[in-house]
Amino acid sequence: MNDDAYEKRFARVLEYIERHLGEELSVERLSREANFSKFHFHRQFSAYVGVNVSRYVQMLRLKRASRRLVFEPAAKIIDIALEAGFKTPESFSRAFKREYGQTPSQFRSAPDWKPWRKTYQFPPSQRSRNMDVKIVDFDEVKVAALEHLGPPERVKDSARKFIEWRKESRLSPKDKCRTFGIAYDNPDTTEPQAFRFDLCGEVSADIPPNPQGVLTKVIPGGRCALVRHLGNHDRIGECAYYLYREWLPGSGEELRDFPLFFHYLNLVSDTPEHELVTDVYLPIQARDPR
C-alpha cells in the first residue's frame, strides 16, 4: 500500500470518529471503517496518530465538552459530562482537570487555551490535498471588527468578547449577518505576542464607540481564490497552506494587498465540529485587460 492510500484510509477513520463521537466506537467498528485488520489496528492507529484509539476518542469528547462549557453558558455541567461519555460529574471533572489543568467550572469562567491547543496537534488531514480551488469575485462588505493581538490560542477569548458585543449591540446578529475572520499572520511562524486576527460581523452602518473596542472596517471586493474547508477550525490552516504552497505557484496569479480571510458559513456555538463549513478566500490581483 502506498503512502497516499494509507493516509486516505486514516483520514476516513478520523473523520468517522468526529462524526460519531456520541456513539460507541469499538476497535472492530473503526477497523472496518478503515479496512484494516482489527488485530493490527491498535498498533497502526497509535503509530499514525500518536495516541491509542480510546485516548483519542476521549480527547475529542473532552474537546467538544470544553467548547460547550465556554460557548454554551446555560448548559449544565452534568449534561455536558454525560454527553462526553462520563457517568458522573466527578469522573468528568477529574479527567478534565488531568487534561487541561483546570476543573470544568474553572475552565468555563477563565479558560486557559494554551495547554488546550497543544493537546490537539494531530497529523494533517488528507483533505488538505487536491482541493477544489475556484476563482470568484468577492463583493466589498462593511464589517464590525474586533482586533485580536496575542497568542493564537487566545482568539477564543476574543471570540467570546465579540459574541458579547453582538448580543448587546444587536448591530450584527449572527442569524442575519455574515461572520468573517481576517488572518493577518501565520500562527506557525509569527511570535505569539505579535499574532493578529480580526473577528468580524457584517454591518450596514458604522459602529459607535463600545466597551468591547469593536471597530468599523471593510473587506474589499475583488478577485479571490476560494477553497471550502469542511470540519473543525483547528485544521483550517491546511487550506491556507494548500493555497500558498500548492495552488499559487502554478496558478499564474499574483496576490492582492489584503490578507487571507475566512467566511464562516456556520458557527462553533451552534454546530457540531464535523458539520462546520468555512470558505477560505485568498485575494488575488485583477486580470490585465490587455
C-alpha atoms as a PDB file:
ATOM      1  CA  MET A   1       0.000   0.000   0.000  1.00  0.00           C
ATOM      2  CA  ASN A   2       1.440   3.406  -0.927  1.00  0.00           C
ATOM      3  CA  ASP A   3       1.586   6.361   1.466  1.00  0.00           C
ATOM      4  CA  ASP A   4      -1.314   8.227  -0.148  1.00  0.00           C
ATOM      5  CA  ALA A   5      -3.658   5.252   0.110  1.00  0.00           C
ATOM      6  CA  TYR A   6      -2.638   4.682   3.734  1.00  0.00           C
ATOM      7  CA  GLU A   7      -3.271   8.325   4.637  1.00  0.00           C
ATOM      8  CA  LYS A   8      -6.622   8.326   2.878  1.00  0.00           C
ATOM      9  CA  ARG A   9      -7.788   5.359   4.925  1.00  0.00           C
ATOM     10  CA  PHE A  10      -6.736   7.030   8.158  1.00  0.00           C
ATOM     11  CA  ALA A  11      -8.314  10.318   7.092  1.00  0.00           C
ATOM     12  CA  ARG A  12     -11.546   8.374   6.582  1.00  0.00           C
ATOM     13  CA  VAL A  13     -11.455   6.775  10.022  1.00  0.00           C
ATOM     14  CA  LEU A  14     -10.542  10.045  11.790  1.00  0.00           C
ATOM     15  CA  GLU A  15     -13.445  11.799  10.092  1.00  0.00           C
ATOM     16  CA  TYR A  16     -15.711   8.881  11.013  1.00  0.00           C
ATOM     17  CA  ILE A  17     -14.761   9.301  14.694  1.00  0.00           C
ATOM     18  CA  GLU A  18     -15.566  13.026  14.568  1.00  0.00           C
ATOM     19  CA  ARG A  19     -18.992  12.302  13.083  1.00  0.00           C
ATOM     20  CA  HIS A  20     -19.905   9.571  15.599  1.00  0.00           C
ATOM     21  CA  LEU A  21     -18.488  10.860  18.889  1.00  0.00           C
ATOM     22  CA  GLY A  22     -21.801  10.314  20.652  1.00  0.00           C
ATOM     23  CA  GLU A  23     -21.849   6.609  19.769  1.00  0.00           C
ATOM     24  CA  GLU A  24     -19.971   3.504  20.885  1.00  0.00           C
ATOM     25  CA  LEU A  25     -16.693   3.425  18.939  1.00  0.00           C
ATOM     26  CA  SER A  26     -15.195  -0.045  19.220  1.00  0.00           C
ATOM     27  CA  VAL A  27     -11.948  -1.185  17.622  1.00  0.00           C
ATOM     28  CA  GLU A  28     -13.924  -3.601  15.455  1.00  0.00           C
ATOM     29  CA  ARG A  29     -16.141  -0.822  14.151  1.00  0.00           C
ATOM     30  CA  LEU A  30     -13.278   1.546  13.414  1.00  0.00           C
ATOM     31  CA  SER A  31     -11.019  -1.077  11.846  1.00  0.00           C
ATOM     32  CA  ARG A  32     -13.853  -1.994   9.467  1.00  0.00           C
ATOM     33  CA  GLU A  33     -14.262   1.649   8.512  1.00  0.00           C
ATOM     34  CA  ALA A  34     -10.544   1.894   7.691  1.00  0.00           C
ATOM     35  CA  ASN A  35     -10.473  -1.564   6.113  1.00  0.00           C
ATOM     36  CA  PHE A  36      -7.671  -2.656   8.445  1.00  0.00           C
ATOM     37  CA  SER A  37      -7.336  -5.891  10.356  1.00  0.00           C
ATOM     38  CA  LYS A  38      -8.708  -5.488  13.890  1.00  0.00           C
ATOM     39  CA  PHE A  39      -5.698  -7.442  15.184  1.00  0.00           C
ATOM     40  CA  HIS A  40      -3.286  -4.737  13.993  1.00  0.00           C
ATOM     41  CA  PHE A  41      -5.487  -1.650  14.113  1.00  0.00           C
ATOM     42  CA  HIS A  42      -4.465  -0.560  17.640  1.00  0.00           C
ATOM     43  CA  ARG A  43      -0.789  -0.521  16.714  1.00  0.00           C
ATOM     44  CA  GLN A  44      -1.390   1.162  13.370  1.00  0.00           C
ATOM     45  CA  PHE A  45      -3.612   3.839  14.903  1.00  0.00           C
ATOM     46  CA  SER A  46      -1.153   4.606  17.719  1.00  0.00           C
ATOM     47  CA  ALA A  47       1.754   4.810  15.298  1.00  0.00           C
ATOM     48  CA  TYR A  48      -0.111   7.166  12.960  1.00  0.00           C
ATOM     49  CA  VAL A  49      -1.898   9.442  15.444  1.00  0.00           C
ATOM     50  CA  GLY A  50       0.467   9.235  18.405  1.00  0.00           C
ATOM     51  CA  VAL A  51      -2.111   8.008  20.932  1.00  0.00           C
ATOM     52  CA  ASN A  52      -4.270   4.893  21.139  1.00  0.00           C
ATOM     53  CA  VAL A  53      -7.875   4.735  19.957  1.00  0.00           C
ATOM     54  CA  SER A  54      -9.599   5.097  23.323  1.00  0.00           C
ATOM     55  CA  ARG A  55      -7.357   8.012  24.321  1.00  0.00           C
ATOM     56  CA  TYR A  56      -8.021   9.777  21.015  1.00  0.00           C
ATOM     57  CA  VAL A  57     -11.790   9.367  21.340  1.00  0.00           C
ATOM     58  CA  GLN A  58     -11.741  10.674  24.910  1.00  0.00           C
ATOM     59  CA  MET A  59      -9.627  13.658  23.850  1.00  0.00           C
ATOM     60  CA  LEU A  60     -12.150  14.604  21.171  1.00  0.00           C
ATOM     61  CA  ARG A  61     -15.058  14.197  23.563  1.00  0.00           C
ATOM     62  CA  LEU A  62     -13.331  16.414  26.117  1.00  0.00           C
ATOM     63  CA  LYS A  63     -12.605  18.926  23.377  1.00  0.00           C
ATOM     64  CA  ARG A  64     -16.284  19.075  22.465  1.00  0.00           C
ATOM     65  CA  ALA A  65     -17.141  19.395  26.161  1.00  0.00           C
ATOM     66  CA  SER A  66     -14.667  22.260  26.614  1.00  0.00           C
ATOM     67  CA  ARG A  67     -16.263  24.195  23.765  1.00  0.00           C
ATOM     68  CA  ARG A  68     -19.723  23.664  25.237  1.00  0.00           C
ATOM     69  CA  LEU A  69     -18.534  24.912  28.621  1.00  0.00           C
ATOM     70  CA  VAL A  70     -17.305  28.174  27.117  1.00  0.00           C
ATOM     71  CA  PHE A  71     -19.812  28.873  24.366  1.00  0.00           C
ATOM     72  CA  GLU A  72     -22.956  27.414  25.967  1.00  0.00           C
ATOM     73  CA  PRO A  73     -23.021  29.022  29.422  1.00  0.00           C
ATOM     74  CA  ALA A  74     -26.586  27.837  30.047  1.00  0.00           C
ATOM     75  CA  ALA A  75     -25.667  24.160  29.564  1.00  0.00           C
ATOM     76  CA  LYS A  76     -25.402  22.199  32.823  1.00  0.00           C
ATOM     77  CA  ILE A  77     -22.057  20.582  33.578  1.00  0.00           C
ATOM     78  CA  ILE A  78     -23.747  17.264  34.376  1.00  0.00           C
ATOM     79  CA  ASP A  79     -25.344  17.211  30.893  1.00  0.00           C
ATOM     80  CA  ILE A  80     -22.002  18.027  29.267  1.00  0.00           C
ATOM     81  CA  ALA A  81     -20.360  15.245  31.308  1.00  0.00           C
ATOM     82  CA  LEU A  82     -22.928  12.671  30.209  1.00  0.00           C
ATOM     83  CA  GLU A  83     -22.601  13.698  26.562  1.00  0.00           C
ATOM     84  CA  ALA A  84     -18.831  13.242  26.856  1.00  0.00           C
ATOM     85  CA  GLY A  85     -19.343   9.649  27.998  1.00  0.00           C
ATOM     86  CA  PHE A  86     -18.758  10.088  31.748  1.00  0.00           C
ATOM     87  CA  LYS A  87     -21.149   8.535  34.234  1.00  0.00           C
ATOM     88  CA  THR A  88     -20.728  11.191  36.927  1.00  0.00           C
ATOM     89  CA  PRO A  89     -19.709  14.873  37.086  1.00  0.00           C
ATOM     90  CA  GLU A  90     -16.890  13.838  39.446  1.00  0.00           C
ATOM     91  CA  SER A  91     -15.243  11.475  36.942  1.00  0.00           C
ATOM     92  CA  PHE A  92     -15.682  14.104  34.230  1.00  0.00           C
ATOM     93  CA  SER A  93     -14.088  16.763  36.446  1.00  0.00           C
ATOM     94  CA  ARG A  94     -11.081  14.546  37.250  1.00  0.00           C
ATOM     95  CA  ALA A  95     -10.478  13.700  33.585  1.00  0.00           C
ATOM     96  CA  PHE A  96     -10.977  17.309  32.518  1.00  0.00           C
ATOM     97  CA  LYS A  97      -8.525  18.664  35.103  1.00  0.00           C
ATOM     98  CA  ARG A  98      -5.975  15.990  34.215  1.00  0.00           C
ATOM     99  CA  GLU A  99      -6.235  17.068  30.560  1.00  0.00           C
ATOM    100  CA  TYR A 100      -6.306  20.854  30.871  1.00  0.00           C
ATOM    101  CA  GLY A 101      -5.126  21.666  34.399  1.00  0.00           C
ATOM    102  CA  GLN A 102      -8.485  23.245  35.289  1.00  0.00           C
ATOM    103  CA  THR A 103     -11.788  21.922  36.549  1.00  0.00           C
ATOM    104  CA  PRO A 104     -14.783  22.343  34.207  1.00  0.00           C
ATOM    105  CA  SER A 105     -16.047  25.237  36.348  1.00  0.00           C
ATOM    106  CA  GLN A 106     -12.658  26.973  36.300  1.00  0.00           C
ATOM    107  CA  PHE A 107     -12.359  26.499  32.558  1.00  0.00           C
ATOM    108  CA  ARG A 108     -15.850  27.887  31.979  1.00  0.00           C
ATOM    109  CA  SER A 109     -15.112  31.083  33.878  1.00  0.00           C
ATOM    110  CA  ALA A 110     -11.483  31.648  32.771  1.00  0.00           C
ATOM    111  CA  PRO A 111     -10.313  29.141  30.128  1.00  0.00           C
ATOM    112  CA  ASP A 112      -6.588  28.568  29.704  1.00  0.00           C
ATOM    113  CA  TRP A 113      -6.345  27.788  25.978  1.00  0.00           C
ATOM    114  CA  LYS A 114      -2.576  27.218  25.757  1.00  0.00           C
ATOM    115  CA  PRO A 115      -2.466  23.619  27.056  1.00  0.00           C
ATOM    116  CA  TRP A 116      -5.763  23.019  25.237  1.00  0.00           C
ATOM    117  CA  ARG A 117      -4.176  23.967  21.900  1.00  0.00           C
ATOM    118  CA  LYS A 118      -1.077  21.824  22.463  1.00  0.00           C
ATOM    119  CA  THR A 119      -3.230  18.779  23.178  1.00  0.00           C
ATOM    120  CA  TYR A 120      -4.751  18.772  19.707  1.00  0.00           C
ATOM    121  CA  GLN A 121      -1.730  18.704  17.405  1.00  0.00           C
ATOM    122  CA  PHE A 122      -2.718  15.770  15.220  1.00  0.00           C
ATOM    123  CA  PRO A 123      -1.367  14.800  11.789  1.00  0.00           C
ATOM    124  CA  PRO A 124      -2.584  16.823   8.803  1.00  0.00           C
ATOM    125  CA  SER A 125      -5.671  15.535   7.091  1.00  0.00           C
ATOM    126  CA  GLN A 126      -5.628  14.017   3.609  1.00  0.00           C
ATOM    127  CA  ARG A 127      -8.339  16.560   2.790  1.00  0.00           C
ATOM    128  CA  SER A 128      -5.585  19.185   2.507  1.00  0.00           C
ATOM    129  CA  ARG A 129      -4.533  17.651  -0.804  1.00  0.00           C
ATOM    130  CA  ASN A 130      -6.166  18.034  -4.211  1.00  0.00           C
ATOM    131  CA  MET A 131      -8.531  20.783  -3.115  1.00  0.00           C
ATOM    132  CA  ASP A 132     -11.080  22.320  -5.446  1.00  0.00           C
ATOM    133  CA  VAL A 133      -9.985  25.941  -5.921  1.00  0.00           C
ATOM    134  CA  LYS A 134     -12.313  28.402  -7.650  1.00  0.00           C
ATOM    135  CA  ILE A 135     -11.732  31.970  -8.814  1.00  0.00           C
ATOM    136  CA  VAL A 136     -14.565  34.227  -7.662  1.00  0.00           C
ATOM    137  CA  ASP A 137     -15.399  37.914  -7.471  1.00  0.00           C
ATOM    138  CA  PHE A 138     -15.984  38.904  -3.866  1.00  0.00           C
ATOM    139  CA  ASP A 139     -18.230  41.919  -3.224  1.00  0.00           C
ATOM    140  CA  GLU A 140     -16.992  44.537  -0.762  1.00  0.00           C
ATOM    141  CA  VAL A 141     -18.521  44.192   2.698  1.00  0.00           C
ATOM    142  CA  LYS A 142     -18.550  46.527   5.682  1.00  0.00           C
ATOM    143  CA  VAL A 143     -17.837  44.725   8.944  1.00  0.00           C
ATOM    144  CA  ALA A 144     -17.691  45.252  12.667  1.00  0.00           C
ATOM    145  CA  ALA A 145     -14.233  44.019  13.673  1.00  0.00           C
ATOM    146  CA  LEU A 146     -12.716  43.071  16.991  1.00  0.00           C
ATOM    147  CA  GLU A 147      -8.924  43.114  16.674  1.00  0.00           C
ATOM    148  CA  HIS A 148      -7.120  40.259  18.394  1.00  0.00           C
ATOM    149  CA  LEU A 149      -3.433  40.714  19.205  1.00  0.00           C
ATOM    150  CA  GLY A 150      -1.645  37.946  21.087  1.00  0.00           C
ATOM    151  CA  PRO A 151      -1.251  34.161  21.211  1.00  0.00           C
ATOM    152  CA  PRO A 152      -3.433  32.255  18.714  1.00  0.00           C
ATOM    153  CA  GLU A 153      -4.982  30.144  21.467  1.00  0.00           C
ATOM    154  CA  ARG A 154      -6.444  33.326  22.982  1.00  0.00           C
ATOM    155  CA  VAL A 155      -8.520  34.039  19.866  1.00  0.00           C
ATOM    156  CA  LYS A 156     -11.310  32.067  21.538  1.00  0.00           C
ATOM    157  CA  ASP A 157     -11.357  34.629  24.368  1.00  0.00           C
ATOM    158  CA  SER A 158     -11.647  37.400  21.806  1.00  0.00           C
ATOM    159  CA  ALA A 159     -14.455  35.434  20.162  1.00  0.00           C
ATOM    160  CA  ARG A 160     -16.371  35.423  23.443  1.00  0.00           C
ATOM    161  CA  LYS A 161     -15.939  39.192  23.687  1.00  0.00           C
ATOM    162  CA  PHE A 162     -17.157  39.631  20.108  1.00  0.00           C
ATOM    163  CA  ILE A 163     -20.183  37.419  20.777  1.00  0.00           C
ATOM    164  CA  GLU A 164     -20.918  39.581  23.837  1.00  0.00           C
ATOM    165  CA  TRP A 165     -20.799  42.724  21.652  1.00  0.00           C
ATOM    166  CA  ARG A 166     -23.102  41.141  19.073  1.00  0.00           C
ATOM    167  CA  LYS A 167     -25.670  40.267  21.708  1.00  0.00           C
ATOM    168  CA  GLU A 168     -25.549  43.665  23.419  1.00  0.00           C
ATOM    169  CA  SER A 169     -25.478  45.881  20.328  1.00  0.00           C
ATOM    170  CA  ARG A 170     -27.763  43.851  18.035  1.00  0.00           C
ATOM    171  CA  LEU A 171     -25.974  45.566  15.151  1.00  0.00           C
ATOM    172  CA  SER A 172     -24.718  42.342  13.569  1.00  0.00           C
ATOM    173  CA  PRO A 173     -26.970  39.452  14.626  1.00  0.00           C
ATOM    174  CA  LYS A 174     -25.330  36.138  13.792  1.00  0.00           C
ATOM    175  CA  ASP A 175     -28.515  34.676  12.295  1.00  0.00           C
ATOM    176  CA  LYS A 176     -28.886  37.537   9.784  1.00  0.00           C
ATOM    177  CA  CYS A 177     -25.352  38.839   9.170  1.00  0.00           C
ATOM    178  CA  ARG A 178     -22.336  37.012   7.806  1.00  0.00           C
ATOM    179  CA  THR A 179     -19.372  36.230  10.049  1.00  0.00           C
ATOM    180  CA  PHE A 180     -15.764  36.613   8.896  1.00  0.00           C
ATOM    181  CA  GLY A 181     -12.225  36.252  10.194  1.00  0.00           C
ATOM    182  CA  ILE A 182      -9.213  38.123   8.795  1.00  0.00           C
ATOM    183  CA  ALA A 183      -5.882  36.316   9.220  1.00  0.00           C
ATOM    184  CA  TYR A 184      -3.058  38.873   9.115  1.00  0.00           C
ATOM    185  CA  ASP A 185      -0.392  36.428  10.288  1.00  0.00           C
ATOM    186  CA  ASN A 186       0.591  32.767  10.091  1.00  0.00           C
ATOM    187  CA  PRO A 187       0.278  31.339  13.632  1.00  0.00           C
ATOM    188  CA  ASP A 188       3.055  28.820  12.900  1.00  0.00           C
ATOM    189  CA  THR A 189       5.673  31.433  12.007  1.00  0.00           C
ATOM    190  CA  THR A 190       4.641  34.527  13.983  1.00  0.00           C
ATOM    191  CA  GLU A 191       5.761  35.267  17.532  1.00  0.00           C
ATOM    192  CA  PRO A 192       2.716  34.567  19.742  1.00  0.00           C
ATOM    193  CA  GLN A 193       2.517  38.107  21.139  1.00  0.00           C
ATOM    194  CA  ALA A 194       2.580  39.573  17.609  1.00  0.00           C
ATOM    195  CA  PHE A 195      -0.172  37.375  16.134  1.00  0.00           C
ATOM    196  CA  ARG A 196      -3.075  39.404  14.667  1.00  0.00           C
ATOM    197  CA  PHE A 197      -6.555  38.236  13.758  1.00  0.00           C
ATOM    198  CA  ASP A 198      -9.822  40.148  13.292  1.00  0.00           C
ATOM    199  CA  LEU A 199     -13.204  38.673  14.253  1.00  0.00           C
ATOM    200  CA  CYS A 200     -15.823  40.295  12.069  1.00  0.00           C
ATOM    201  CA  GLY A 201     -19.572  40.521  11.569  1.00  0.00           C
ATOM    202  CA  GLU A 202     -21.332  42.108   8.609  1.00  0.00           C
ATOM    203  CA  VAL A 203     -22.943  45.507   9.302  1.00  0.00           C
ATOM    204  CA  SER A 204     -24.826  48.126   7.307  1.00  0.00           C
ATOM    205  CA  ALA A 205     -23.570  51.236   9.144  1.00  0.00           C
ATOM    206  CA  ASP A 206     -20.526  52.438  11.049  1.00  0.00           C
ATOM    207  CA  ILE A 207     -20.123  51.158  14.598  1.00  0.00           C
ATOM    208  CA  PRO A 208     -20.472  53.607  17.502  1.00  0.00           C
ATOM    209  CA  PRO A 209     -17.931  53.515  20.370  1.00  0.00           C
ATOM    210  CA  ASN A 210     -18.409  50.487  22.614  1.00  0.00           C
ATOM    211  CA  PRO A 211     -16.801  48.867  25.704  1.00  0.00           C
ATOM    212  CA  GLN A 212     -15.511  45.885  23.713  1.00  0.00           C
ATOM    213  CA  GLY A 213     -13.493  48.059  21.310  1.00  0.00           C
ATOM    214  CA  VAL A 214     -15.232  46.820  18.157  1.00  0.00           C
ATOM    215  CA  LEU A 215     -14.344  48.944  15.110  1.00  0.00           C
ATOM    216  CA  THR A 216     -15.719  49.552  11.628  1.00  0.00           C
ATOM    217  CA  LYS A 217     -13.660  48.024   8.818  1.00  0.00           C
ATOM    218  CA  VAL A 218     -14.127  46.981   5.195  1.00  0.00           C
ATOM    219  CA  ILE A 219     -13.227  43.727   3.468  1.00  0.00           C
ATOM    220  CA  PRO A 220     -12.529  44.998  -0.053  1.00  0.00           C
ATOM    221  CA  GLY A 221     -14.101  43.498  -3.118  1.00  0.00           C
ATOM    222  CA  GLY A 222     -12.125  41.866  -5.887  1.00  0.00           C
ATOM    223  CA  ARG A 223     -10.939  38.582  -7.326  1.00  0.00           C
ATOM    224  CA  CYS A 224     -10.182  35.789  -4.875  1.00  0.00           C
ATOM    225  CA  ALA A 225      -9.129  32.182  -4.932  1.00  0.00           C
ATOM    226  CA  LEU A 226     -11.719  30.284  -2.925  1.00  0.00           C
ATOM    227  CA  VAL A 227     -11.491  26.874  -1.296  1.00  0.00           C
ATOM    228  CA  ARG A 228     -14.077  25.365   1.047  1.00  0.00           C
ATOM    229  CA  HIS A 229     -12.997  23.843   4.363  1.00  0.00           C
ATOM    230  CA  LEU A 230     -15.192  21.178   5.944  1.00  0.00           C
ATOM    231  CA  GLY A 231     -14.862  20.297   9.604  1.00  0.00           C
ATOM    232  CA  ASN A 232     -13.292  21.755  12.712  1.00  0.00           C
ATOM    233  CA  HIS A 233     -11.487  25.071  12.582  1.00  0.00           C
ATOM    234  CA  ASP A 234      -8.263  23.650  14.037  1.00  0.00           C
ATOM    235  CA  ARG A 235      -7.469  22.194  10.606  1.00  0.00           C
ATOM    236  CA  ILE A 236      -8.349  25.284   8.606  1.00  0.00           C
ATOM    237  CA  GLY A 237      -4.670  26.127   8.225  1.00  0.00           C
ATOM    238  CA  GLU A 238      -4.388  23.185   5.831  1.00  0.00           C
ATOM    239  CA  CYS A 239      -6.429  25.160   3.295  1.00  0.00           C
ATOM    240  CA  ALA A 240      -4.178  28.198   3.687  1.00  0.00           C
ATOM    241  CA  TYR A 241      -1.047  26.101   3.193  1.00  0.00           C
ATOM    242  CA  TYR A 242      -2.542  24.444   0.144  1.00  0.00           C
ATOM    243  CA  LEU A 243      -3.400  27.787  -1.460  1.00  0.00           C
ATOM    244  CA  TYR A 244       0.041  29.286  -0.809  1.00  0.00           C
ATOM    245  CA  ARG A 245       2.260  26.248  -1.354  1.00  0.00           C
ATOM    246  CA  GLU A 246       0.430  24.117  -3.910  1.00  0.00           C
ATOM    247  CA  TRP A 247      -2.040  26.220  -5.852  1.00  0.00           C
ATOM    248  CA  LEU A 248      -0.479  29.716  -6.096  1.00  0.00           C
ATOM    249  CA  PRO A 249       2.963  28.817  -7.593  1.00  0.00           C
ATOM    250  CA  GLY A 250       1.395  27.110 -10.596  1.00  0.00           C
ATOM    251  CA  SER A 251      -1.658  29.335 -10.994  1.00  0.00           C
ATOM    252  CA  GLY A 252      -0.096  32.305 -12.786  1.00  0.00           C
ATOM    253  CA  GLU A 253      -1.899  34.598 -10.313  1.00  0.00           C
ATOM    254  CA  GLU A 254      -0.449  37.421  -8.196  1.00  0.00           C
ATOM    255  CA  LEU A 255      -1.565  38.260  -4.664  1.00  0.00           C
ATOM    256  CA  ARG A 256      -3.532  41.390  -3.823  1.00  0.00           C
ATOM    257  CA  ASP A 257      -2.567  43.620  -0.883  1.00  0.00           C
ATOM    258  CA  PHE A 258      -5.093  42.203   1.575  1.00  0.00           C
ATOM    259  CA  PRO A 259      -4.703  39.210   3.875  1.00  0.00           C
ATOM    260  CA  LEU A 260      -6.307  35.790   3.668  1.00  0.00           C
ATOM    261  CA  PHE A 261      -9.801  35.807   5.182  1.00  0.00           C
ATOM    262  CA  PHE A 262     -12.489  33.336   6.191  1.00  0.00           C
ATOM    263  CA  HIS A 263     -16.263  33.322   5.798  1.00  0.00           C
ATOM    264  CA  TYR A 264     -17.814  31.120   8.479  1.00  0.00           C
ATOM    265  CA  LEU A 265     -20.982  29.701   6.953  1.00  0.00           C
ATOM    266  CA  ASN A 266     -21.950  28.273  10.357  1.00  0.00           C
ATOM    267  CA  LEU A 267     -20.569  28.756  13.850  1.00  0.00           C
ATOM    268  CA  VAL A 268     -18.975  26.590  16.539  1.00  0.00           C
ATOM    269  CA  SER A 269     -21.538  27.775  19.085  1.00  0.00           C
ATOM    270  CA  ASP A 270     -24.397  26.311  17.024  1.00  0.00           C
ATOM    271  CA  THR A 271     -22.865  23.463  15.028  1.00  0.00           C
ATOM    272  CA  PRO A 272     -21.139  20.113  15.693  1.00  0.00           C
ATOM    273  CA  GLU A 273     -17.486  20.360  14.646  1.00  0.00           C
ATOM    274  CA  HIS A 274     -17.747  17.840  11.829  1.00  0.00           C
ATOM    275  CA  GLU A 275     -20.552  19.884  10.225  1.00  0.00           C
ATOM    276  CA  LEU A 276     -18.691  23.214  10.189  1.00  0.00           C
ATOM    277  CA  VAL A 277     -18.312  24.831   6.764  1.00  0.00           C
ATOM    278  CA  THR A 278     -15.864  27.674   6.104  1.00  0.00           C
ATOM    279  CA  ASP A 279     -14.957  29.407   2.859  1.00  0.00           C
ATOM    280  CA  VAL A 280     -11.292  30.432   2.695  1.00  0.00           C
ATOM    281  CA  TYR A 281     -10.522  33.429   0.450  1.00  0.00           C
ATOM    282  CA  LEU A 282      -7.086  34.375  -0.889  1.00  0.00           C
ATOM    283  CA  PRO A 283      -7.263  37.852  -2.518  1.00  0.00           C
ATOM    284  CA  ILE A 284      -5.597  37.954  -5.961  1.00  0.00           C
ATOM    285  CA  GLN A 285      -4.991  40.751  -8.433  1.00  0.00           C
ATOM    286  CA  ALA A 286      -7.382  41.708 -11.196  1.00  0.00           C
ATOM    287  CA  ARG A 287      -6.642  40.405 -14.671  1.00  0.00           C
ATOM    288  CA  ASP A 288      -4.818  42.780 -17.032  1.00  0.00           C
ATOM    289  CA  PRO A 289      -7.447  43.651 -19.682  1.00  0.00           C
ATOM    290  CA  ARG A 290      -4.777  43.906 -22.395  1.00  0.00           C
END
